[in-house]
Amino acid sequence: MNFTNDFESYMVSPPRLSPDKSPLFFLGNIYEPGKDIDEKLISILSGGSLEASFPYSFQLNPLNCYLLLYTENGYGKLHYENSIYSLESNTLLFVKCDQRFKLEIAVSPWNYKVFFIKGEILDFYSKLLLQYGFPLYTPPEHSTIIRNIQKLALNGTTGEIRNKLYDSRILTDIICDLLMESMEAENPVTKAPGYLQEIKALFDIAYQESYTLNELENHFSISKYRLCREFSMYYGESPLQYLNARRVEIAKDLLLTTDYRIHEIGSLVGIDNTNHFIYLFKKETGMTPLSYKQKSLNIIRK
C-alpha cells in the first residue's frame, strides 16, 4: 500500500483537525521504501514525533500493518474492538491495525511518537504479546524501550540499506524487550538480586562517578564475571554498557537544554575524554553529539 496516496481512502470519515494541518499529519514522515529489502525486515511505513492539540481525531478502516505509539505527555484515547484504551504519559501502544479503530486527543497538547510498521514476524510477536495484556504497556523507569524509541525517531527516513537495517534492529529490540519485561513483571522469581539493584541505582543516580569492574567486584565481594553475567541477564546489557547508555541519555538532555560545550557535557556525565565521549554517543545514537543537537532542534522548531 502507498501511504502517501492511499491513506485518506482508509478514513471512515474526514478527520477532525485544526485548519493548518493536512489529513496526512497523523502519519508523521513518510519513509522511502527500501529496494528489495523491506519485505525481508521489520520496516517503517511512516512515523515520527507529533504534537497534537484540539481538535484531533482519526477513524480508520483496517490497514495491513501494525501501530506503535508512545505517549510522552498529554493524553490520547484509542477506540479498538469495542474497548477504549487510555494513552497516558509513558504508555506504549502496540496493536495490529486489522480492525477499524479511532484515535483522539483527550488532554492537549498530546506529544507522542508514532510508527506504522510491517514485517512477517510481527504476527508471531503479536500473538506472544497478547498473553501479557497488550495492546497497552507502561515501561518501567529507565527502560531500554524508551531509549530505543528515541533512537528510532532520530534515524533517517530514506531508503538506504543502512537506515532499513538500523530500523529493523531497533524495532526488534523494542518488541523483544516488551516481551522480556512483561515476562519479568509476571514472574517475581526473576526479580534482580539486591546487589544488582544497588549497582543499577548507583548508575542511575551517580552516573558521573568513575566505575570499574574490579572496584565493583571488591565492593560487593562478587566475581566480576558473575556480576557481568547476572547484570546482563536481568537488565539486558552489561554493567558498563548500561552505565554508558545512562550517561548518553543525560547528555542528550543537556545538549538540548543547556549551552554547555561538548567537552563540558562529557565531563558532567563522567566521561572526561572528549573523543571517547563522542565515540560512545555515536555508538548509542548513531550520530555525534553536535549532529544530534542540530537535528533535534530542527525537529522542535518545525
C-alpha atoms as a PDB file:
ATOM      1  CA  MET A   1       0.000   0.000   0.000  1.00  0.00           C
ATOM      2  CA  ASN A   2       1.158   3.548  -0.698  1.00  0.00           C
ATOM      3  CA  PHE A   3       0.626   5.528   2.495  1.00  0.00           C
ATOM      4  CA  THR A   4       1.029   8.913   0.870  1.00  0.00           C
ATOM      5  CA  ASN A   5      -1.511   8.401  -1.903  1.00  0.00           C
ATOM      6  CA  ASP A   6      -3.954   5.992  -0.318  1.00  0.00           C
ATOM      7  CA  PHE A   7      -4.137   6.872   3.383  1.00  0.00           C
ATOM      8  CA  GLU A   8      -7.175   9.134   3.081  1.00  0.00           C
ATOM      9  CA  SER A   9      -9.140   6.332   1.423  1.00  0.00           C
ATOM     10  CA  TYR A  10      -8.873   4.315   4.657  1.00  0.00           C
ATOM     11  CA  MET A  11     -10.575   7.016   6.714  1.00  0.00           C
ATOM     12  CA  VAL A  12     -14.117   6.221   7.817  1.00  0.00           C
ATOM     13  CA  SER A  13     -14.896   9.945   7.752  1.00  0.00           C
ATOM     14  CA  PRO A  14     -12.891  13.157   7.394  1.00  0.00           C
ATOM     15  CA  PRO A  15     -10.526  13.637  10.358  1.00  0.00           C
ATOM     16  CA  ARG A  16     -11.091  16.368  12.927  1.00  0.00           C
ATOM     17  CA  LEU A  17      -8.058  18.628  12.663  1.00  0.00           C
ATOM     18  CA  SER A  18      -7.119  22.277  13.032  1.00  0.00           C
ATOM     19  CA  PRO A  19      -7.240  24.080   9.645  1.00  0.00           C
ATOM     20  CA  ASP A  20      -3.456  24.318   9.394  1.00  0.00           C
ATOM     21  CA  LYS A  21      -2.995  20.532   9.432  1.00  0.00           C
ATOM     22  CA  SER A  22      -3.186  18.129   6.482  1.00  0.00           C
ATOM     23  CA  PRO A  23      -5.177  14.856   6.727  1.00  0.00           C
ATOM     24  CA  LEU A  24      -1.781  13.166   6.403  1.00  0.00           C
ATOM     25  CA  PHE A  25      -0.455  14.856   9.563  1.00  0.00           C
ATOM     26  CA  PHE A  26      -1.183  11.767  11.647  1.00  0.00           C
ATOM     27  CA  LEU A  27       1.310   9.737   9.595  1.00  0.00           C
ATOM     28  CA  GLY A  28       4.338  11.799  10.531  1.00  0.00           C
ATOM     29  CA  ASN A  29       7.135  11.365   7.990  1.00  0.00           C
ATOM     30  CA  ILE A  30       6.645   9.069   5.005  1.00  0.00           C
ATOM     31  CA  TYR A  31       9.519   6.583   4.798  1.00  0.00           C
ATOM     32  CA  GLU A  32      11.039   5.793   1.435  1.00  0.00           C
ATOM     33  CA  PRO A  33      10.754   2.089   0.554  1.00  0.00           C
ATOM     34  CA  GLY A  34      13.977   0.109   0.541  1.00  0.00           C
ATOM     35  CA  LYS A  35      14.722  -1.609  -2.729  1.00  0.00           C
ATOM     36  CA  ASP A  36      14.331  -5.404  -2.415  1.00  0.00           C
ATOM     37  CA  ILE A  37      14.774  -5.266   1.370  1.00  0.00           C
ATOM     38  CA  ASP A  38      11.571  -4.051   3.061  1.00  0.00           C
ATOM     39  CA  GLU A  39       9.787  -7.403   2.729  1.00  0.00           C
ATOM     40  CA  LYS A  40      12.651  -9.191   4.472  1.00  0.00           C
ATOM     41  CA  LEU A  41      12.821  -6.913   7.525  1.00  0.00           C
ATOM     42  CA  ILE A  42      10.597  -5.168  10.021  1.00  0.00           C
ATOM     43  CA  SER A  43      10.231  -1.830   8.271  1.00  0.00           C
ATOM     44  CA  ILE A  44       8.603   1.542   8.906  1.00  0.00           C
ATOM     45  CA  LEU A  45       5.942   2.864   6.536  1.00  0.00           C
ATOM     46  CA  SER A  46       5.618   6.226   8.251  1.00  0.00           C
ATOM     47  CA  GLY A  47       6.201   7.801  11.620  1.00  0.00           C
ATOM     48  CA  GLY A  48       7.865  10.423  13.756  1.00  0.00           C
ATOM     49  CA  SER A  49       7.348  12.793  16.691  1.00  0.00           C
ATOM     50  CA  LEU A  50       3.976  14.558  16.746  1.00  0.00           C
ATOM     51  CA  GLU A  51       2.298  17.208  18.869  1.00  0.00           C
ATOM     52  CA  ALA A  52      -1.489  17.210  18.686  1.00  0.00           C
ATOM     53  CA  SER A  53      -3.944  19.785  20.024  1.00  0.00           C
ATOM     54  CA  PHE A  54      -7.718  20.151  19.907  1.00  0.00           C
ATOM     55  CA  PRO A  55      -9.467  19.265  17.647  1.00  0.00           C
ATOM     56  CA  TYR A  56      -7.759  15.980  16.764  1.00  0.00           C
ATOM     57  CA  SER A  57      -9.263  12.585  15.884  1.00  0.00           C
ATOM     58  CA  PHE A  58      -8.965   9.928  13.181  1.00  0.00           C
ATOM     59  CA  GLN A  59     -11.136   6.907  12.492  1.00  0.00           C
ATOM     60  CA  LEU A  60      -9.609   4.367  10.119  1.00  0.00           C
ATOM     61  CA  ASN A  61     -10.668   1.198   8.386  1.00  0.00           C
ATOM     62  CA  PRO A  62      -8.393  -1.875   8.737  1.00  0.00           C
ATOM     63  CA  LEU A  63      -4.823  -1.442   7.497  1.00  0.00           C
ATOM     64  CA  ASN A  64      -2.303  -4.126   6.650  1.00  0.00           C
ATOM     65  CA  CYS A  65       0.274  -3.072   9.242  1.00  0.00           C
ATOM     66  CA  TYR A  66       0.930  -2.526  12.951  1.00  0.00           C
ATOM     67  CA  LEU A  67       0.828   0.663  15.016  1.00  0.00           C
ATOM     68  CA  LEU A  68       3.492   1.521  17.598  1.00  0.00           C
ATOM     69  CA  LEU A  69       2.686   4.666  19.623  1.00  0.00           C
ATOM     70  CA  TYR A  70       4.488   6.025  22.680  1.00  0.00           C
ATOM     71  CA  THR A  71       2.898   8.901  24.629  1.00  0.00           C
ATOM     72  CA  GLU A  72       5.471  11.252  26.145  1.00  0.00           C
ATOM     73  CA  ASN A  73       2.998  13.670  27.727  1.00  0.00           C
ATOM     74  CA  GLY A  74      -0.613  14.689  27.313  1.00  0.00           C
ATOM     75  CA  TYR A  75      -3.332  12.122  26.884  1.00  0.00           C
ATOM     76  CA  GLY A  76      -4.996  10.334  23.987  1.00  0.00           C
ATOM     77  CA  LYS A  77      -7.568   7.575  23.547  1.00  0.00           C
ATOM     78  CA  LEU A  78      -7.766   4.516  21.314  1.00  0.00           C
ATOM     79  CA  HIS A  79     -11.149   3.022  20.392  1.00  0.00           C
ATOM     80  CA  TYR A  80     -10.485  -0.558  19.283  1.00  0.00           C
ATOM     81  CA  GLU A  81     -12.588  -3.753  19.260  1.00  0.00           C
ATOM     82  CA  ASN A  82     -15.359  -2.276  21.453  1.00  0.00           C
ATOM     83  CA  SER A  83     -12.810  -1.133  24.059  1.00  0.00           C
ATOM     84  CA  ILE A  84     -11.324   2.252  24.931  1.00  0.00           C
ATOM     85  CA  TYR A  85      -7.660   2.423  25.904  1.00  0.00           C
ATOM     86  CA  SER A  86      -6.206   5.429  27.754  1.00  0.00           C
ATOM     87  CA  LEU A  87      -2.940   6.566  26.159  1.00  0.00           C
ATOM     88  CA  GLU A  88      -1.497   8.389  29.155  1.00  0.00           C
ATOM     89  CA  SER A  89       2.023   9.683  29.675  1.00  0.00           C
ATOM     90  CA  ASN A  90       4.667   6.912  29.453  1.00  0.00           C
ATOM     91  CA  THR A  91       2.370   4.344  27.864  1.00  0.00           C
ATOM     92  CA  LEU A  92       3.273   2.316  24.798  1.00  0.00           C
ATOM     93  CA  LEU A  93       0.666   1.051  22.356  1.00  0.00           C
ATOM     94  CA  PHE A  94       1.416  -1.871  20.052  1.00  0.00           C
ATOM     95  CA  VAL A  95      -1.572  -3.019  18.045  1.00  0.00           C
ATOM     96  CA  LYS A  96      -2.384  -4.768  14.782  1.00  0.00           C
ATOM     97  CA  CYS A  97      -4.408  -2.468  12.553  1.00  0.00           C
ATOM     98  CA  ASP A  98      -6.647  -5.245  11.222  1.00  0.00           C
ATOM     99  CA  GLN A  99      -9.745  -3.779  12.904  1.00  0.00           C
ATOM    100  CA  ARG A 100     -11.451  -0.425  12.470  1.00  0.00           C
ATOM    101  CA  PHE A 101     -10.001   1.924  15.095  1.00  0.00           C
ATOM    102  CA  LYS A 102     -10.156   5.533  16.221  1.00  0.00           C
ATOM    103  CA  LEU A 103      -7.503   7.748  17.818  1.00  0.00           C
ATOM    104  CA  GLU A 104      -8.405  11.012  19.507  1.00  0.00           C
ATOM    105  CA  ILE A 105      -6.911  13.553  21.847  1.00  0.00           C
ATOM    106  CA  ALA A 106      -8.113  13.792  25.457  1.00  0.00           C
ATOM    107  CA  VAL A 107      -5.668  16.249  27.045  1.00  0.00           C
ATOM    108  CA  SER A 108      -3.884  18.903  24.991  1.00  0.00           C
ATOM    109  CA  PRO A 109      -1.125  19.089  23.967  1.00  0.00           C
ATOM    110  CA  TRP A 110      -0.631  15.392  23.273  1.00  0.00           C
ATOM    111  CA  ASN A 111       3.023  14.676  22.451  1.00  0.00           C
ATOM    112  CA  TYR A 112       3.773  11.232  21.144  1.00  0.00           C
ATOM    113  CA  LYS A 113       5.919   9.182  18.809  1.00  0.00           C
ATOM    114  CA  VAL A 114       4.091   7.040  16.273  1.00  0.00           C
ATOM    115  CA  PHE A 115       5.207   4.442  13.742  1.00  0.00           C
ATOM    116  CA  PHE A 116       3.263   2.376  11.249  1.00  0.00           C
ATOM    117  CA  ILE A 117       5.323  -0.764  10.755  1.00  0.00           C
ATOM    118  CA  LYS A 118       5.160  -4.024   8.825  1.00  0.00           C
ATOM    119  CA  GLY A 119       7.002  -7.341   8.724  1.00  0.00           C
ATOM    120  CA  GLU A 120       6.050 -11.005   8.562  1.00  0.00           C
ATOM    121  CA  ILE A 121       7.433 -11.806  12.023  1.00  0.00           C
ATOM    122  CA  LEU A 122       5.195  -9.189  13.670  1.00  0.00           C
ATOM    123  CA  ASP A 123       2.237 -11.604  13.630  1.00  0.00           C
ATOM    124  CA  PHE A 124       4.305 -14.034  15.705  1.00  0.00           C
ATOM    125  CA  TYR A 125       5.366 -11.332  18.168  1.00  0.00           C
ATOM    126  CA  SER A 126       1.791 -10.047  18.408  1.00  0.00           C
ATOM    127  CA  LYS A 127       0.463 -13.459  19.488  1.00  0.00           C
ATOM    128  CA  LEU A 128       3.071 -13.640  22.244  1.00  0.00           C
ATOM    129  CA  LEU A 129       2.374 -10.104  23.452  1.00  0.00           C
ATOM    130  CA  LEU A 130      -1.361 -10.722  23.686  1.00  0.00           C
ATOM    131  CA  GLN A 131      -0.593 -13.155  26.517  1.00  0.00           C
ATOM    132  CA  TYR A 132       0.667 -10.223  28.613  1.00  0.00           C
ATOM    133  CA  GLY A 133      -2.227  -7.776  28.412  1.00  0.00           C
ATOM    134  CA  PHE A 134      -1.331  -5.886  25.274  1.00  0.00           C
ATOM    135  CA  PRO A 135      -2.046  -3.682  23.286  1.00  0.00           C
ATOM    136  CA  LEU A 136      -1.047  -1.246  26.065  1.00  0.00           C
ATOM    137  CA  TYR A 137       2.078  -1.279  28.230  1.00  0.00           C
ATOM    138  CA  THR A 138       3.751   1.064  30.731  1.00  0.00           C
ATOM    139  CA  PRO A 139       7.553   0.743  30.549  1.00  0.00           C
ATOM    140  CA  PRO A 140       9.392   0.870  33.891  1.00  0.00           C
ATOM    141  CA  GLU A 141      11.647   3.824  34.682  1.00  0.00           C
ATOM    142  CA  HIS A 142      14.896   3.827  32.666  1.00  0.00           C
ATOM    143  CA  SER A 143      13.583   1.066  30.384  1.00  0.00           C
ATOM    144  CA  THR A 144      15.729   0.498  27.285  1.00  0.00           C
ATOM    145  CA  ILE A 145      12.459   0.556  25.323  1.00  0.00           C
ATOM    146  CA  ILE A 146      12.128   4.319  25.782  1.00  0.00           C
ATOM    147  CA  ARG A 147      15.718   4.918  24.688  1.00  0.00           C
ATOM    148  CA  ASN A 148      15.194   2.796  21.596  1.00  0.00           C
ATOM    149  CA  ILE A 149      12.027   4.654  20.608  1.00  0.00           C
ATOM    150  CA  GLN A 150      14.017   7.895  20.816  1.00  0.00           C
ATOM    151  CA  LYS A 151      16.700   6.358  18.579  1.00  0.00           C
ATOM    152  CA  LEU A 152      14.072   5.240  16.082  1.00  0.00           C
ATOM    153  CA  ALA A 153      12.609   8.742  15.800  1.00  0.00           C
ATOM    154  CA  LEU A 154      16.016  10.233  15.056  1.00  0.00           C
ATOM    155  CA  ASN A 155      17.058   7.802  12.321  1.00  0.00           C
ATOM    156  CA  GLY A 156      16.831   8.718   8.642  1.00  0.00           C
ATOM    157  CA  THR A 157      13.717   8.107   6.534  1.00  0.00           C
ATOM    158  CA  THR A 158      15.440   7.433   3.213  1.00  0.00           C
ATOM    159  CA  GLY A 159      15.512   4.022   1.557  1.00  0.00           C
ATOM    160  CA  GLU A 160      19.212   3.449   2.218  1.00  0.00           C
ATOM    161  CA  ILE A 161      20.025  -0.083   3.351  1.00  0.00           C
ATOM    162  CA  ARG A 162      21.798   1.273   6.426  1.00  0.00           C
ATOM    163  CA  ASN A 163      18.601   3.025   7.588  1.00  0.00           C
ATOM    164  CA  LYS A 164      16.460  -0.047   6.932  1.00  0.00           C
ATOM    165  CA  LEU A 165      18.791  -2.358   8.852  1.00  0.00           C
ATOM    166  CA  TYR A 166      19.010   0.094  11.745  1.00  0.00           C
ATOM    167  CA  ASP A 167      15.204   0.469  11.934  1.00  0.00           C
ATOM    168  CA  SER A 168      14.701  -3.292  11.832  1.00  0.00           C
ATOM    169  CA  ARG A 169      17.275  -3.882  14.567  1.00  0.00           C
ATOM    170  CA  ILE A 170      15.811  -1.222  16.872  1.00  0.00           C
ATOM    171  CA  LEU A 171      12.215  -2.381  16.296  1.00  0.00           C
ATOM    172  CA  THR A 172      13.230  -5.969  17.046  1.00  0.00           C
ATOM    173  CA  ASP A 173      14.938  -4.805  20.251  1.00  0.00           C
ATOM    174  CA  ILE A 174      11.833  -2.840  21.293  1.00  0.00           C
ATOM    175  CA  ILE A 175       9.458  -5.759  20.781  1.00  0.00           C
ATOM    176  CA  CYS A 176      11.758  -8.329  22.389  1.00  0.00           C
ATOM    177  CA  ASP A 177      12.280  -6.012  25.374  1.00  0.00           C
ATOM    178  CA  LEU A 178       8.490  -5.648  25.644  1.00  0.00           C
ATOM    179  CA  LEU A 179       8.194  -9.414  25.886  1.00  0.00           C
ATOM    180  CA  MET A 180      11.061  -9.847  28.338  1.00  0.00           C
ATOM    181  CA  GLU A 181       9.929  -7.015  30.641  1.00  0.00           C
ATOM    182  CA  SER A 182       6.369  -8.373  30.596  1.00  0.00           C
ATOM    183  CA  MET A 183       7.593 -11.847  31.490  1.00  0.00           C
ATOM    184  CA  GLU A 184       9.727 -10.495  34.338  1.00  0.00           C
ATOM    185  CA  ALA A 185       6.817  -8.449  35.712  1.00  0.00           C
ATOM    186  CA  GLU A 186       4.637 -11.571  35.817  1.00  0.00           C
ATOM    187  CA  ASN A 187       7.264 -13.764  37.459  1.00  0.00           C
ATOM    188  CA  PRO A 188       8.586 -12.418  40.781  1.00  0.00           C
ATOM    189  CA  VAL A 189      11.295 -15.100  40.757  1.00  0.00           C
ATOM    190  CA  THR A 190      13.062 -13.100  38.041  1.00  0.00           C
ATOM    191  CA  LYS A 191      13.461 -10.013  40.257  1.00  0.00           C
ATOM    192  CA  ALA A 192      17.103  -8.951  40.309  1.00  0.00           C
ATOM    193  CA  PRO A 193      19.134  -9.671  43.474  1.00  0.00           C
ATOM    194  CA  GLY A 194      19.673  -6.769  45.845  1.00  0.00           C
ATOM    195  CA  TYR A 195      23.297  -6.161  44.886  1.00  0.00           C
ATOM    196  CA  LEU A 196      22.350  -5.794  41.216  1.00  0.00           C
ATOM    197  CA  GLN A 197      19.578  -3.356  42.082  1.00  0.00           C
ATOM    198  CA  GLU A 198      22.106  -1.370  44.139  1.00  0.00           C
ATOM    199  CA  ILE A 199      24.558  -1.227  41.219  1.00  0.00           C
ATOM    200  CA  LYS A 200      21.793  -0.136  38.852  1.00  0.00           C
ATOM    201  CA  ALA A 201      20.693   2.570  41.323  1.00  0.00           C
ATOM    202  CA  LEU A 202      24.289   3.819  41.556  1.00  0.00           C
ATOM    203  CA  PHE A 203      24.488   4.099  37.769  1.00  0.00           C
ATOM    204  CA  ASP A 204      21.099   5.820  37.563  1.00  0.00           C
ATOM    205  CA  ILE A 205      21.867   8.440  40.204  1.00  0.00           C
ATOM    206  CA  ALA A 206      25.669   8.785  40.392  1.00  0.00           C
ATOM    207  CA  TYR A 207      26.393   8.253  36.702  1.00  0.00           C
ATOM    208  CA  GLN A 208      29.074  10.976  36.752  1.00  0.00           C
ATOM    209  CA  GLU A 209      31.317   8.906  39.061  1.00  0.00           C
ATOM    210  CA  SER A 210      34.065   6.588  37.804  1.00  0.00           C
ATOM    211  CA  TYR A 211      33.466   2.828  37.998  1.00  0.00           C
ATOM    212  CA  THR A 212      35.489  -0.241  37.064  1.00  0.00           C
ATOM    213  CA  LEU A 213      34.552  -3.905  37.189  1.00  0.00           C
ATOM    214  CA  ASN A 214      37.409  -4.547  39.618  1.00  0.00           C
ATOM    215  CA  GLU A 215      36.075  -1.892  42.006  1.00  0.00           C
ATOM    216  CA  LEU A 216      32.565  -3.352  41.829  1.00  0.00           C
ATOM    217  CA  GLU A 217      33.980  -6.827  42.395  1.00  0.00           C
ATOM    218  CA  ASN A 218      35.837  -5.706  45.516  1.00  0.00           C
ATOM    219  CA  HIS A 219      32.946  -3.645  46.889  1.00  0.00           C
ATOM    220  CA  PHE A 220      30.300  -6.364  46.531  1.00  0.00           C
ATOM    221  CA  SER A 221      32.652  -9.340  47.031  1.00  0.00           C
ATOM    222  CA  ILE A 222      31.292 -10.954  43.866  1.00  0.00           C
ATOM    223  CA  SER A 223      33.338 -12.094  40.888  1.00  0.00           C
ATOM    224  CA  LYS A 224      33.260  -9.523  38.090  1.00  0.00           C
ATOM    225  CA  TYR A 225      32.478 -12.339  35.636  1.00  0.00           C
ATOM    226  CA  ARG A 226      29.434 -13.403  37.640  1.00  0.00           C
ATOM    227  CA  LEU A 227      28.475  -9.768  38.123  1.00  0.00           C
ATOM    228  CA  CYS A 228      28.540  -9.096  34.349  1.00  0.00           C
ATOM    229  CA  ARG A 229      26.682 -12.297  33.545  1.00  0.00           C
ATOM    230  CA  GLU A 230      23.892 -11.714  36.068  1.00  0.00           C
ATOM    231  CA  PHE A 231      23.544  -7.984  35.358  1.00  0.00           C
ATOM    232  CA  SER A 232      23.160  -8.754  31.645  1.00  0.00           C
ATOM    233  CA  MET A 233      20.617 -11.474  32.405  1.00  0.00           C
ATOM    234  CA  TYR A 234      18.363  -9.119  34.386  1.00  0.00           C
ATOM    235  CA  TYR A 235      18.891  -5.813  32.571  1.00  0.00           C
ATOM    236  CA  GLY A 236      19.685  -6.876  29.015  1.00  0.00           C
ATOM    237  CA  GLU A 237      23.198  -5.385  28.823  1.00  0.00           C
ATOM    238  CA  SER A 238      26.474  -5.416  30.733  1.00  0.00           C
ATOM    239  CA  PRO A 239      27.029  -3.033  33.674  1.00  0.00           C
ATOM    240  CA  LEU A 240      29.291  -0.684  31.731  1.00  0.00           C
ATOM    241  CA  GLN A 241      27.001  -0.743  28.678  1.00  0.00           C
ATOM    242  CA  TYR A 242      24.096   0.237  30.921  1.00  0.00           C
ATOM    243  CA  LEU A 243      26.166   2.978  32.580  1.00  0.00           C
ATOM    244  CA  ASN A 244      27.283   4.438  29.257  1.00  0.00           C
ATOM    245  CA  ALA A 245      23.723   4.349  27.906  1.00  0.00           C
ATOM    246  CA  ARG A 246      22.556   6.187  31.031  1.00  0.00           C
ATOM    247  CA  ARG A 247      25.301   8.793  30.565  1.00  0.00           C
ATOM    248  CA  VAL A 248      24.312   9.325  26.958  1.00  0.00           C
ATOM    249  CA  GLU A 249      20.665   9.797  27.977  1.00  0.00           C
ATOM    250  CA  ILE A 250      21.656  12.538  30.415  1.00  0.00           C
ATOM    251  CA  ALA A 251      23.989  14.061  27.819  1.00  0.00           C
ATOM    252  CA  LYS A 252      21.119  14.231  25.298  1.00  0.00           C
ATOM    253  CA  ASP A 253      19.069  16.270  27.759  1.00  0.00           C
ATOM    254  CA  LEU A 254      21.999  18.586  28.484  1.00  0.00           C
ATOM    255  CA  LEU A 255      22.619  19.120  24.768  1.00  0.00           C
ATOM    256  CA  LEU A 256      19.054  20.347  24.261  1.00  0.00           C
ATOM    257  CA  THR A 257      18.541  22.280  27.490  1.00  0.00           C
ATOM    258  CA  THR A 258      21.900  23.968  28.173  1.00  0.00           C
ATOM    259  CA  ASP A 259      24.617  25.896  26.349  1.00  0.00           C
ATOM    260  CA  TYR A 260      27.449  23.705  27.630  1.00  0.00           C
ATOM    261  CA  ARG A 261      30.120  22.728  25.113  1.00  0.00           C
ATOM    262  CA  ILE A 262      30.566  19.113  24.033  1.00  0.00           C
ATOM    263  CA  HIS A 263      33.620  18.514  26.241  1.00  0.00           C
ATOM    264  CA  GLU A 264      31.849  20.075  29.230  1.00  0.00           C
ATOM    265  CA  ILE A 265      28.821  17.800  28.830  1.00  0.00           C
ATOM    266  CA  GLY A 266      31.129  14.797  28.547  1.00  0.00           C
ATOM    267  CA  SER A 267      32.769  15.714  31.858  1.00  0.00           C
ATOM    268  CA  LEU A 268      29.392  16.350  33.544  1.00  0.00           C
ATOM    269  CA  VAL A 269      28.263  12.793  32.766  1.00  0.00           C
ATOM    270  CA  GLY A 270      31.544  11.206  33.834  1.00  0.00           C
ATOM    271  CA  ILE A 271      33.481  10.957  30.543  1.00  0.00           C
ATOM    272  CA  ASP A 272      36.433  13.364  30.576  1.00  0.00           C
ATOM    273  CA  ASN A 273      37.963  12.166  27.301  1.00  0.00           C
ATOM    274  CA  THR A 274      36.044  14.127  24.660  1.00  0.00           C
ATOM    275  CA  ASN A 275      36.910  11.783  21.783  1.00  0.00           C
ATOM    276  CA  HIS A 276      35.753   8.799  23.832  1.00  0.00           C
ATOM    277  CA  PHE A 277      32.552  10.631  24.751  1.00  0.00           C
ATOM    278  CA  ILE A 278      31.818  11.379  21.077  1.00  0.00           C
ATOM    279  CA  TYR A 279      32.557   7.741  20.192  1.00  0.00           C
ATOM    280  CA  LEU A 280      30.190   6.391  22.863  1.00  0.00           C
ATOM    281  CA  PHE A 281      27.489   8.909  21.978  1.00  0.00           C
ATOM    282  CA  LYS A 282      27.635   7.968  18.291  1.00  0.00           C
ATOM    283  CA  LYS A 283      27.656   4.265  19.140  1.00  0.00           C
ATOM    284  CA  GLU A 284      24.490   4.705  21.222  1.00  0.00           C
ATOM    285  CA  THR A 285      22.556   7.120  18.980  1.00  0.00           C
ATOM    286  CA  GLY A 286      24.034   6.706  15.520  1.00  0.00           C
ATOM    287  CA  MET A 287      25.208  10.325  15.365  1.00  0.00           C
ATOM    288  CA  THR A 288      27.672  12.702  17.007  1.00  0.00           C
ATOM    289  CA  PRO A 289      26.543  14.961  19.878  1.00  0.00           C
ATOM    290  CA  LEU A 290      26.606  18.025  17.609  1.00  0.00           C
ATOM    291  CA  SER A 291      24.595  16.280  14.853  1.00  0.00           C
ATOM    292  CA  TYR A 292      22.079  15.068  17.458  1.00  0.00           C
ATOM    293  CA  LYS A 293      21.644  18.603  18.828  1.00  0.00           C
ATOM    294  CA  GLN A 294      21.198  20.157  15.378  1.00  0.00           C
ATOM    295  CA  LYS A 295      18.718  17.510  14.211  1.00  0.00           C
ATOM    296  CA  SER A 296      16.690  17.583  17.440  1.00  0.00           C
ATOM    297  CA  LEU A 297      16.464  21.375  17.480  1.00  0.00           C
ATOM    298  CA  ASN A 298      15.349  21.373  13.832  1.00  0.00           C
ATOM    299  CA  ILE A 299      12.570  18.906  14.715  1.00  0.00           C
ATOM    300  CA  ILE A 300      11.479  21.034  17.687  1.00  0.00           C
ATOM    301  CA  ARG A 301      11.283  24.181  15.529  1.00  0.00           C
ATOM    302  CA  LYS A 302       9.028  22.556  12.900  1.00  0.00           C
END
